[in-house]
Amino acid sequence: MPDSFQAPCPLCNLPCTAFLEDYGKWMHFSCRCCRELKVSKMVIGKLRAESNDVREQLSQQARALVEGEYLHIAAADQRSLQPRGLSAWIAEVRRSL
């Protein structure tokens, strides 16, 4: 992995291998527990501040993915989500190219 470093997984907090993508806008995590995830640097702090239950649900979703898939966590459209009290981020499954 290019310029990889050790960082805590934003879901389970275990040490994992991470590297920056897209000029530092995204962090790609390779975790022995949660497998592969890509997280926008705009929401990583908010994700880490979520309750253990929310992060555990996301971790379970990530663990259920098949080879070649990863959990992609990005900023949500705040205008439509925040007034309703929903999260500032959205998670979806994507396939590696």
PDB file of N, CA and C in Angstrom:
ATOM      1  N   MET A   1       0.838  -1.178   0.000  1.00  0.00           N
ATOM      2  CA  MET A   1       0.000   0.000   0.000  1.00  0.00           C
ATOM      3  C   MET A   1       0.888   1.247   0.000  1.00  0.00           C
ATOM      4  N   PRO A   2       0.555   2.234  -0.797  1.00  0.00           N
ATOM      5  CA  PRO A   2       1.384   3.437  -0.854  1.00  0.00           C
ATOM      6  C   PRO A   2       1.287   4.265   0.427  1.00  0.00           C
ATOM      7  N   ASP A   3       2.436   4.591   0.996  1.00  0.00           N
ATOM      8  CA  ASP A   3       2.488   5.456   2.180  1.00  0.00           C
ATOM      9  C   ASP A   3       1.521   5.036   3.281  1.00  0.00           C
ATOM     10  N   SER A   4       1.519   3.751   3.604  1.00  0.00           N
ATOM     11  CA  SER A   4       0.613   3.271   4.648  1.00  0.00           C
ATOM     12  C   SER A   4       1.154   3.623   6.029  1.00  0.00           C
ATOM     13  N   PHE A   5       0.242   3.692   6.993  1.00  0.00           N
ATOM     14  CA  PHE A   5       0.603   3.990   8.371  1.00  0.00           C
ATOM     15  C   PHE A   5      -0.387   3.278   9.283  1.00  0.00           C
ATOM     16  N   GLN A   6      -0.075   3.177  10.546  1.00  0.00           N
ATOM     17  CA  GLN A   6      -0.959   2.561  11.522  1.00  0.00           C
ATOM     18  C   GLN A   6      -1.894   3.636  12.098  1.00  0.00           C
ATOM     19  N   ALA A   7      -3.176   3.278  12.207  1.00  0.00           N
ATOM     20  CA  ALA A   7      -4.181   4.191  12.755  1.00  0.00           C
ATOM     21  C   ALA A   7      -5.289   3.355  13.377  1.00  0.00           C
ATOM     22  N   PRO A   8      -6.011   3.887  14.355  1.00  0.00           N
ATOM     23  CA  PRO A   8      -7.144   3.139  14.918  1.00  0.00           C
ATOM     24  C   PRO A   8      -8.294   3.078  13.918  1.00  0.00           C
ATOM     25  N   CYS A   9      -8.927   1.930  13.834  1.00  0.00           N
ATOM     26  CA  CYS A   9     -10.099   1.774  12.984  1.00  0.00           C
ATOM     27  C   CYS A   9     -11.208   2.685  13.529  1.00  0.00           C
ATOM     28  N   PRO A  10     -11.891   3.453  12.685  1.00  0.00           N
ATOM     29  CA  PRO A  10     -12.946   4.344  13.180  1.00  0.00           C
ATOM     30  C   PRO A  10     -14.188   3.607  13.679  1.00  0.00           C
ATOM     31  N   LEU A  11     -14.291   2.300  13.400  1.00  0.00           N
ATOM     32  CA  LEU A  11     -15.449   1.536  13.852  1.00  0.00           C
ATOM     33  C   LEU A  11     -15.163   0.743  15.119  1.00  0.00           C
ATOM     34  N   CYS A  12     -14.083  -0.054  15.116  1.00  0.00           N
ATOM     35  CA  CYS A  12     -13.812  -0.925  16.267  1.00  0.00           C
ATOM     36  C   CYS A  12     -12.659  -0.423  17.137  1.00  0.00           C
ATOM     37  N   ASN A  13     -11.925   0.571  16.661  1.00  0.00           N
ATOM     38  CA  ASN A  13     -10.815   1.186  17.382  1.00  0.00           C
ATOM     39  C   ASN A  13      -9.570   0.295  17.498  1.00  0.00           C
ATOM     40  N   LEU A  14      -9.547  -0.850  16.814  1.00  0.00           N
ATOM     41  CA  LEU A  14      -8.351  -1.685  16.794  1.00  0.00           C
ATOM     42  C   LEU A  14      -7.312  -1.055  15.864  1.00  0.00           C
ATOM     43  N   PRO A  15      -6.021  -1.300  16.126  1.00  0.00           N
ATOM     44  CA  PRO A  15      -4.996  -0.786  15.208  1.00  0.00           C
ATOM     45  C   PRO A  15      -5.165  -1.428  13.832  1.00  0.00           C
ATOM     46  N   CYS A  16      -5.018  -0.636  12.788  1.00  0.00           N
ATOM     47  CA  CYS A  16      -5.125  -1.167  11.435  1.00  0.00           C
ATOM     48  C   CYS A  16      -4.193  -0.384  10.515  1.00  0.00           C
ATOM     49  N   THR A  17      -4.074  -0.872   9.304  1.00  0.00           N
ATOM     50  CA  THR A  17      -3.269  -0.192   8.297  1.00  0.00           C
ATOM     51  C   THR A  17      -4.163   0.798   7.572  1.00  0.00           C
ATOM     52  N   ALA A  18      -3.661   2.001   7.376  1.00  0.00           N
ATOM     53  CA  ALA A  18      -4.439   3.042   6.708  1.00  0.00           C
ATOM     54  C   ALA A  18      -3.549   3.769   5.713  1.00  0.00           C
ATOM     55  N   PHE A  19      -4.183   4.369   4.717  1.00  0.00           N
ATOM     56  CA  PHE A  19      -3.474   5.275   3.831  1.00  0.00           C
ATOM     57  C   PHE A  19      -4.454   6.289   3.265  1.00  0.00           C
ATOM     58  N   LEU A  20      -3.906   7.401   2.822  1.00  0.00           N
ATOM     59  CA  LEU A  20      -4.723   8.483   2.282  1.00  0.00           C
ATOM     60  C   LEU A  20      -4.973   8.263   0.797  1.00  0.00           C
ATOM     61  N   GLU A  21      -6.154   8.675   0.342  1.00  0.00           N
ATOM     62  CA  GLU A  21      -6.515   8.604  -1.072  1.00  0.00           C
ATOM     63  C   GLU A  21      -7.082   9.943  -1.508  1.00  0.00           C
ATOM     64  N   ASP A  22      -7.115  10.164  -2.817  1.00  0.00           N
ATOM     65  CA  ASP A  22      -7.718  11.350  -3.415  1.00  0.00           C
ATOM     66  C   ASP A  22      -7.179  12.634  -2.774  1.00  0.00           C
ATOM     67  N   TYR A  23      -5.866  12.765  -2.801  1.00  0.00           N
ATOM     68  CA  TYR A  23      -5.191  13.960  -2.290  1.00  0.00           C
ATOM     69  C   TYR A  23      -5.505  14.230  -0.819  1.00  0.00           C
ATOM     70  N   GLY A  24      -5.646  13.164  -0.039  1.00  0.00           N
ATOM     71  CA  GLY A  24      -5.863  13.292   1.399  1.00  0.00           C
ATOM     72  C   GLY A  24      -7.306  13.522   1.813  1.00  0.00           C
ATOM     73  N   LYS A  25      -8.254  13.444   0.882  1.00  0.00           N
ATOM     74  CA  LYS A  25      -9.659  13.665   1.217  1.00  0.00           C
ATOM     75  C   LYS A  25     -10.309  12.422   1.842  1.00  0.00           C
ATOM     76  N   TRP A  26      -9.727  11.257   1.602  1.00  0.00           N
ATOM     77  CA  TRP A  26     -10.273   9.981   2.074  1.00  0.00           C
ATOM     78  C   TRP A  26      -9.216   9.194   2.807  1.00  0.00           C
ATOM     79  N   MET A  27      -9.649   8.412   3.802  1.00  0.00           N
ATOM     80  CA  MET A  27      -8.755   7.467   4.459  1.00  0.00           C
ATOM     81  C   MET A  27      -9.264   6.062   4.159  1.00  0.00           C
ATOM     82  N   HIS A  28      -8.369   5.218   3.686  1.00  0.00           N
ATOM     83  CA  HIS A  28      -8.680   3.824   3.392  1.00  0.00           C
ATOM     84  C   HIS A  28      -8.114   3.003   4.545  1.00  0.00           C
ATOM     85  N   PHE A  29      -8.978   2.243   5.221  1.00  0.00           N
ATOM     86  CA  PHE A  29      -8.574   1.417   6.360  1.00  0.00           C
ATOM     87  C   PHE A  29      -8.653  -0.049   5.978  1.00  0.00           C
ATOM     88  N   SER A  30      -7.646  -0.798   6.376  1.00  0.00           N
ATOM     89  CA  SER A  30      -7.643  -2.247   6.235  1.00  0.00           C
ATOM     90  C   SER A  30      -7.511  -2.814   7.654  1.00  0.00           C
ATOM     91  N   CYS A  31      -8.641  -3.277   8.192  1.00  0.00           N
ATOM     92  CA  CYS A  31      -8.739  -3.698   9.590  1.00  0.00           C
ATOM     93  C   CYS A  31      -8.934  -5.210   9.664  1.00  0.00           C
ATOM     94  N   ARG A  32      -8.276  -5.856  10.608  1.00  0.00           N
ATOM     95  CA  ARG A  32      -8.434  -7.311  10.733  1.00  0.00           C
ATOM     96  C   ARG A  32      -9.830  -7.686  11.226  1.00  0.00           C
ATOM     97  N   CYS A  33     -10.538  -6.753  11.830  1.00  0.00           N
ATOM     98  CA  CYS A  33     -11.896  -7.002  12.304  1.00  0.00           C
ATOM     99  C   CYS A  33     -12.941  -6.534  11.289  1.00  0.00           C
ATOM    100  N   CYS A  34     -12.844  -5.295  10.856  1.00  0.00           N
ATOM    101  CA  CYS A  34     -13.872  -4.680  10.002  1.00  0.00           C
ATOM    102  C   CYS A  34     -13.578  -4.780   8.506  1.00  0.00           C
ATOM    103  N   ARG A  35     -12.473  -5.371   8.156  1.00  0.00           N
ATOM    104  CA  ARG A  35     -12.061  -5.560   6.765  1.00  0.00           C
ATOM    105  C   ARG A  35     -11.722  -4.231   6.107  1.00  0.00           C
ATOM    106  N   GLU A  36     -12.354  -3.914   4.972  1.00  0.00           N
ATOM    107  CA  GLU A  36     -11.988  -2.719   4.203  1.00  0.00           C
ATOM    108  C   GLU A  36     -13.041  -1.629   4.338  1.00  0.00           C
ATOM    109  N   LEU A  37     -12.583  -0.398   4.601  1.00  0.00           N
ATOM    110  CA  LEU A  37     -13.475   0.744   4.590  1.00  0.00           C
ATOM    111  C   LEU A  37     -12.752   1.967   4.070  1.00  0.00           C
ATOM    112  N   LYS A  38     -13.513   2.831   3.442  1.00  0.00           N
ATOM    113  CA  LYS A  38     -13.004   4.123   2.996  1.00  0.00           C
ATOM    114  C   LYS A  38     -13.896   5.183   3.624  1.00  0.00           C
ATOM    115  N   VAL A  39     -13.259   6.129   4.326  1.00  0.00           N
ATOM    116  CA  VAL A  39     -14.005   7.123   5.097  1.00  0.00           C
ATOM    117  C   VAL A  39     -13.550   8.524   4.688  1.00  0.00           C
ATOM    118  N   SER A  40     -14.514   9.373   4.412  1.00  0.00           N
ATOM    119  CA  SER A  40     -14.214  10.766   4.115  1.00  0.00           C
ATOM    120  C   SER A  40     -13.598  11.420   5.349  1.00  0.00           C
ATOM    121  N   LYS A  41     -12.539  12.189   5.141  1.00  0.00           N
ATOM    122  CA  LYS A  41     -11.923  12.880   6.276  1.00  0.00           C
ATOM    123  C   LYS A  41     -12.858  13.937   6.853  1.00  0.00           C
ATOM    124  N   MET A  42     -13.891  14.345   6.105  1.00  0.00           N
ATOM    125  CA  MET A  42     -14.861  15.323   6.605  1.00  0.00           C
ATOM    126  C   MET A  42     -15.722  14.742   7.727  1.00  0.00           C
ATOM    127  N   VAL A  43     -15.884  13.419   7.769  1.00  0.00           N
ATOM    128  CA  VAL A  43     -16.795  12.818   8.750  1.00  0.00           C
ATOM    129  C   VAL A  43     -16.105  11.860   9.726  1.00  0.00           C
ATOM    130  N   ILE A  44     -14.825  11.664   9.595  1.00  0.00           N
ATOM    131  CA  ILE A  44     -14.164  10.653  10.432  1.00  0.00           C
ATOM    132  C   ILE A  44     -14.289  10.969  11.915  1.00  0.00           C
ATOM    133  N   GLY A  45     -14.178  12.227  12.295  1.00  0.00           N
ATOM    134  CA  GLY A  45     -14.326  12.606  13.698  1.00  0.00           C
ATOM    135  C   GLY A  45     -15.737  12.366  14.208  1.00  0.00           C
ATOM    136  N   LYS A  46     -16.719  12.687  13.380  1.00  0.00           N
ATOM    137  CA  LYS A  46     -18.122  12.468  13.758  1.00  0.00           C
ATOM    138  C   LYS A  46     -18.423  10.980  13.882  1.00  0.00           C
ATOM    139  N   LEU A  47     -17.838  10.195  13.010  1.00  0.00           N
ATOM    140  CA  LEU A  47     -18.043   8.748  13.057  1.00  0.00           C
ATOM    141  C   LEU A  47     -17.451   8.171  14.344  1.00  0.00           C
ATOM    142  N   ARG A  48     -16.255   8.608  14.692  1.00  0.00           N
ATOM    143  CA  ARG A  48     -15.620   8.115  15.924  1.00  0.00           C
ATOM    144  C   ARG A  48     -16.386   8.552  17.171  1.00  0.00           C
ATOM    145  N   ALA A  49     -17.135   9.641  17.075  1.00  0.00           N
ATOM    146  CA  ALA A  49     -17.906  10.150  18.219  1.00  0.00           C
ATOM    147  C   ALA A  49     -19.266   9.469  18.356  1.00  0.00           C
ATOM    148  N   GLU A  50     -19.650   8.649  17.383  1.00  0.00           N
ATOM    149  CA  GLU A  50     -20.933   7.941  17.450  1.00  0.00           C
ATOM    150  C   GLU A  50     -20.925   6.943  18.602  1.00  0.00           C
ATOM    151  N   SER A  51     -22.102   6.504  18.995  1.00  0.00           N
ATOM    152  CA  SER A  51     -22.217   5.526  20.083  1.00  0.00           C
ATOM    153  C   SER A  51     -21.580   4.203  19.666  1.00  0.00           C
ATOM    154  N   ASN A  52     -21.224   3.405  20.662  1.00  0.00           N
ATOM    155  CA  ASN A  52     -20.658   2.086  20.385  1.00  0.00           C
ATOM    156  C   ASN A  52     -21.624   1.226  19.591  1.00  0.00           C
ATOM    157  N   ASP A  53     -22.922   1.360  19.858  1.00  0.00           N
ATOM    158  CA  ASP A  53     -23.927   0.567  19.142  1.00  0.00           C
ATOM    159  C   ASP A  53     -23.916   0.882  17.646  1.00  0.00           C
ATOM    160  N   VAL A  54     -23.868   2.151  17.304  1.00  0.00           N
ATOM    161  CA  VAL A  54     -23.860   2.553  15.890  1.00  0.00           C
ATOM    162  C   VAL A  54     -22.603   2.037  15.205  1.00  0.00           C
ATOM    163  N   ARG A  55     -21.457   2.224  15.856  1.00  0.00           N
ATOM    164  CA  ARG A  55     -20.199   1.766  15.255  1.00  0.00           C
ATOM    165  C   ARG A  55     -20.159   0.248  15.150  1.00  0.00           C
ATOM    166  N   GLU A  56     -20.732  -0.467  16.120  1.00  0.00           N
ATOM    167  CA  GLU A  56     -20.770  -1.931  16.053  1.00  0.00           C
ATOM    168  C   GLU A  56     -21.652  -2.396  14.895  1.00  0.00           C
ATOM    169  N   GLN A  57     -22.777  -1.720  14.659  1.00  0.00           N
ATOM    170  CA  GLN A  57     -23.642  -2.076  13.530  1.00  0.00           C
ATOM    171  C   GLN A  57     -22.902  -1.898  12.204  1.00  0.00           C
ATOM    172  N   LEU A  58     -22.164  -0.799  12.074  1.00  0.00           N
ATOM    173  CA  LEU A  58     -21.390  -0.571  10.861  1.00  0.00           C
ATOM    174  C   LEU A  58     -20.271  -1.598  10.723  1.00  0.00           C
ATOM    175  N   SER A  59     -19.645  -1.953  11.835  1.00  0.00           N
ATOM    176  CA  SER A  59     -18.595  -2.969  11.819  1.00  0.00           C
ATOM    177  C   SER A  59     -19.155  -4.312  11.359  1.00  0.00           C
ATOM    178  N   GLN A  60     -20.332  -4.676  11.847  1.00  0.00           N
ATOM    179  CA  GLN A  60     -20.969  -5.927  11.423  1.00  0.00           C
ATOM    180  C   GLN A  60     -21.280  -5.898   9.934  1.00  0.00           C
ATOM    181  N   GLN A  61     -21.751  -4.755   9.443  1.00  0.00           N
ATOM    182  CA  GLN A  61     -22.031  -4.624   8.015  1.00  0.00           C
ATOM    183  C   GLN A  61     -20.746  -4.798   7.205  1.00  0.00           C
ATOM    184  N   ALA A  62     -19.665  -4.190   7.675  1.00  0.00           N
ATOM    185  CA  ALA A  62     -18.386  -4.301   6.971  1.00  0.00           C
ATOM    186  C   ALA A  62     -17.865  -5.735   6.991  1.00  0.00           C
ATOM    187  N   ARG A  63     -18.014  -6.419   8.108  1.00  0.00           N
ATOM    188  CA  ARG A  63     -17.534  -7.810   8.208  1.00  0.00           C
ATOM    189  C   ARG A  63     -18.310  -8.751   7.301  1.00  0.00           C
ATOM    190  N   ALA A  64     -19.542  -8.411   6.976  1.00  0.00           N
ATOM    191  CA  ALA A  64     -20.384  -9.273   6.140  1.00  0.00           C
ATOM    192  C   ALA A  64     -20.089  -9.127   4.643  1.00  0.00           C
ATOM    193  N   LEU A  65     -19.256  -8.180   4.269  1.00  0.00           N
ATOM    194  CA  LEU A  65     -18.978  -7.957   2.854  1.00  0.00           C
ATOM    195  C   LEU A  65     -18.130  -9.078   2.273  1.00  0.00           C
ATOM    196  N   VAL A  66     -18.269  -9.288   0.983  1.00  0.00           N
ATOM    197  CA  VAL A  66     -17.498 -10.323   0.298  1.00  0.00           C
ATOM    198  C   VAL A  66     -16.212  -9.716  -0.266  1.00  0.00           C
ATOM    199  N   GLU A  67     -15.322 -10.565  -0.683  1.00  0.00           N
ATOM    200  CA  GLU A  67     -14.050 -10.130  -1.275  1.00  0.00           C
ATOM    201  C   GLU A  67     -14.315  -9.151  -2.418  1.00  0.00           C
ATOM    202  N   GLY A  68     -13.592  -8.053  -2.433  1.00  0.00           N
ATOM    203  CA  GLY A  68     -13.744  -7.056  -3.482  1.00  0.00           C
ATOM    204  C   GLY A  68     -14.735  -5.953  -3.148  1.00  0.00           C
ATOM    205  N   GLU A  69     -15.402  -6.041  -2.007  1.00  0.00           N
ATOM    206  CA  GLU A  69     -16.324  -5.000  -1.571  1.00  0.00           C
ATOM    207  C   GLU A  69     -15.723  -4.252  -0.388  1.00  0.00           C
ATOM    208  N   TYR A  70     -16.154  -3.012  -0.204  1.00  0.00           N
ATOM    209  CA  TYR A  70     -15.729  -2.231   0.955  1.00  0.00           C
ATOM    210  C   TYR A  70     -16.868  -1.333   1.398  1.00  0.00           C
ATOM    211  N   LEU A  71     -16.803  -0.877   2.630  1.00  0.00           N
ATOM    212  CA  LEU A  71     -17.797   0.044   3.169  1.00  0.00           C
ATOM    213  C   LEU A  71     -17.312   1.466   2.915  1.00  0.00           C
ATOM    214  N   HIS A  72     -18.106   2.247   2.221  1.00  0.00           N
ATOM    215  CA  HIS A  72     -17.781   3.617   1.824  1.00  0.00           C
ATOM    216  C   HIS A  72     -18.613   4.555   2.704  1.00  0.00           C
ATOM    217  N   ILE A  73     -17.940   5.391   3.501  1.00  0.00           N
ATOM    218  CA  ILE A  73     -18.636   6.275   4.438  1.00  0.00           C
ATOM    219  C   ILE A  73     -18.313   7.721   4.068  1.00  0.00           C
ATOM    220  N   ALA A  74     -19.359   8.442   3.641  1.00  0.00           N
ATOM    221  CA  ALA A  74     -19.189   9.798   3.125  1.00  0.00           C
ATOM    222  C   ALA A  74     -20.119  10.767   3.848  1.00  0.00           C
ATOM    223  N   ALA A  75     -19.879  12.051   3.619  1.00  0.00           N
ATOM    224  CA  ALA A  75     -20.750  13.085   4.177  1.00  0.00           C
ATOM    225  C   ALA A  75     -22.109  13.022   3.496  1.00  0.00           C
ATOM    226  N   ALA A  76     -23.153  13.152   4.288  1.00  0.00           N
ATOM    227  CA  ALA A  76     -24.518  13.192   3.752  1.00  0.00           C
ATOM    228  C   ALA A  76     -24.881  14.628   3.411  1.00  0.00           C
ATOM    229  N   ASP A  77     -25.924  14.788   2.651  1.00  0.00           N
ATOM    230  CA  ASP A  77     -26.447  16.111   2.329  1.00  0.00           C
ATOM    231  C   ASP A  77     -27.050  16.694   3.598  1.00  0.00           C
ATOM    232  N   GLN A  78     -26.346  17.595   4.242  1.00  0.00           N
ATOM    233  CA  GLN A  78     -26.772  18.115   5.538  1.00  0.00           C
ATOM    234  C   GLN A  78     -28.088  18.876   5.461  1.00  0.00           C
ATOM    235  N   ARG A  79     -28.376  19.498   4.356  1.00  0.00           N
ATOM    236  CA  ARG A  79     -29.630  20.260   4.249  1.00  0.00           C
ATOM    237  C   ARG A  79     -30.836  19.350   4.413  1.00  0.00           C
ATOM    238  N   SER A  80     -30.767  18.140   3.877  1.00  0.00           N
ATOM    239  CA  SER A  80     -31.945  17.274   3.947  1.00  0.00           C
ATOM    240  C   SER A  80     -31.928  16.371   5.179  1.00  0.00           C
ATOM    241  N   LEU A  81     -30.754  16.051   5.722  1.00  0.00           N
ATOM    242  CA  LEU A  81     -30.698  15.089   6.811  1.00  0.00           C
ATOM    243  C   LEU A  81     -30.657  15.721   8.198  1.00  0.00           C
ATOM    244  N   GLN A  82     -29.883  16.745   8.391  1.00  0.00           N
ATOM    245  CA  GLN A  82     -29.693  17.290   9.725  1.00  0.00           C
ATOM    246  C   GLN A  82     -30.978  17.791  10.381  1.00  0.00           C
ATOM    247  N   PRO A  83     -31.883  18.480   9.680  1.00  0.00           N
ATOM    248  CA  PRO A  83     -33.108  18.935  10.354  1.00  0.00           C
ATOM    249  C   PRO A  83     -33.962  17.785  10.888  1.00  0.00           C
ATOM    250  N   ARG A  84     -33.832  16.623  10.308  1.00  0.00           N
ATOM    251  CA  ARG A  84     -34.612  15.485  10.777  1.00  0.00           C
ATOM    252  C   ARG A  84     -33.867  14.685  11.845  1.00  0.00           C
ATOM    253  N   GLY A  85     -32.706  15.155  12.250  1.00  0.00           N
ATOM    254  CA  GLY A  85     -31.977  14.502  13.322  1.00  0.00           C
ATOM    255  C   GLY A  85     -31.222  13.259  12.904  1.00  0.00           C
ATOM    256  N   LEU A  86     -31.012  13.076  11.609  1.00  0.00           N
ATOM    257  CA  LEU A  86     -30.276  11.907  11.146  1.00  0.00           C
ATOM    258  C   LEU A  86     -28.791  12.208  11.118  1.00  0.00           C
ATOM    259  N   SER A  87     -28.015  11.217  10.791  1.00  0.00           N
ATOM    260  CA  SER A  87     -26.562  11.316  10.824  1.00  0.00           C
ATOM    261  C   SER A  87     -26.011  12.274   9.769  1.00  0.00           C
ATOM    262  N   ALA A  88     -24.830  12.791  10.038  1.00  0.00           N
ATOM    263  CA  ALA A  88     -24.146  13.674   9.097  1.00  0.00           C
ATOM    264  C   ALA A  88     -23.370  12.883   8.055  1.00  0.00           C
ATOM    265  N   TRP A  89     -23.447  11.564   8.106  1.00  0.00           N
ATOM    266  CA  TRP A  89     -22.730  10.716   7.152  1.00  0.00           C
ATOM    267  C   TRP A  89     -23.659   9.615   6.653  1.00  0.00           C
ATOM    268  N   ILE A  90     -23.229   8.985   5.561  1.00  0.00           N
ATOM    269  CA  ILE A  90     -23.980   7.883   4.972  1.00  0.00           C
ATOM    270  C   ILE A  90     -23.010   6.773   4.603  1.00  0.00           C
ATOM    271  N   ALA A  91     -23.394   5.528   4.874  1.00  0.00           N
ATOM    272  CA  ALA A  91     -22.546   4.366   4.577  1.00  0.00           C
ATOM    273  C   ALA A  91     -23.198   3.538   3.484  1.00  0.00           C
ATOM    274  N   GLU A  92     -22.370   3.085   2.542  1.00  0.00           N
ATOM    275  CA  GLU A  92     -22.881   2.229   1.481  1.00  0.00           C
ATOM    276  C   GLU A  92     -21.799   1.244   1.058  1.00  0.00           C
ATOM    277  N   VAL A  93     -22.232   0.130   0.495  1.00  0.00           N
ATOM    278  CA  VAL A  93     -21.308  -0.899   0.009  1.00  0.00           C
ATOM    279  C   VAL A  93     -20.897  -0.552  -1.408  1.00  0.00           C
ATOM    280  N   ARG A  94     -19.603  -0.653  -1.678  1.00  0.00           N
ATOM    281  CA  ARG A  94     -19.084  -0.435  -3.030  1.00  0.00           C
ATOM    282  C   ARG A  94     -18.143  -1.570  -3.396  1.00  0.00           C
ATOM    283  N   ARG A  95     -17.937  -1.748  -4.683  1.00  0.00           N
ATOM    284  CA  ARG A  95     -17.024  -2.770  -5.182  1.00  0.00           C
ATOM    285  C   ARG A  95     -15.722  -2.102  -5.585  1.00  0.00           C
ATOM    286  N   SER A  96     -14.601  -2.771  -5.280  1.00  0.00           N
ATOM    287  CA  SER A  96     -13.296  -2.286  -5.715  1.00  0.00           C
ATOM    288  C   SER A  96     -13.177  -2.451  -7.224  1.00  0.00           C
ATOM    289  N   LEU A  97     -12.470  -1.553  -7.847  1.00  0.00           N
ATOM    290  CA  LEU A  97     -12.278  -1.643  -9.297  1.00  0.00           C
ATOM    291  C   LEU A  97     -11.185  -2.600  -9.653  1.00  0.00           C
TER     292      LEU A  97
END
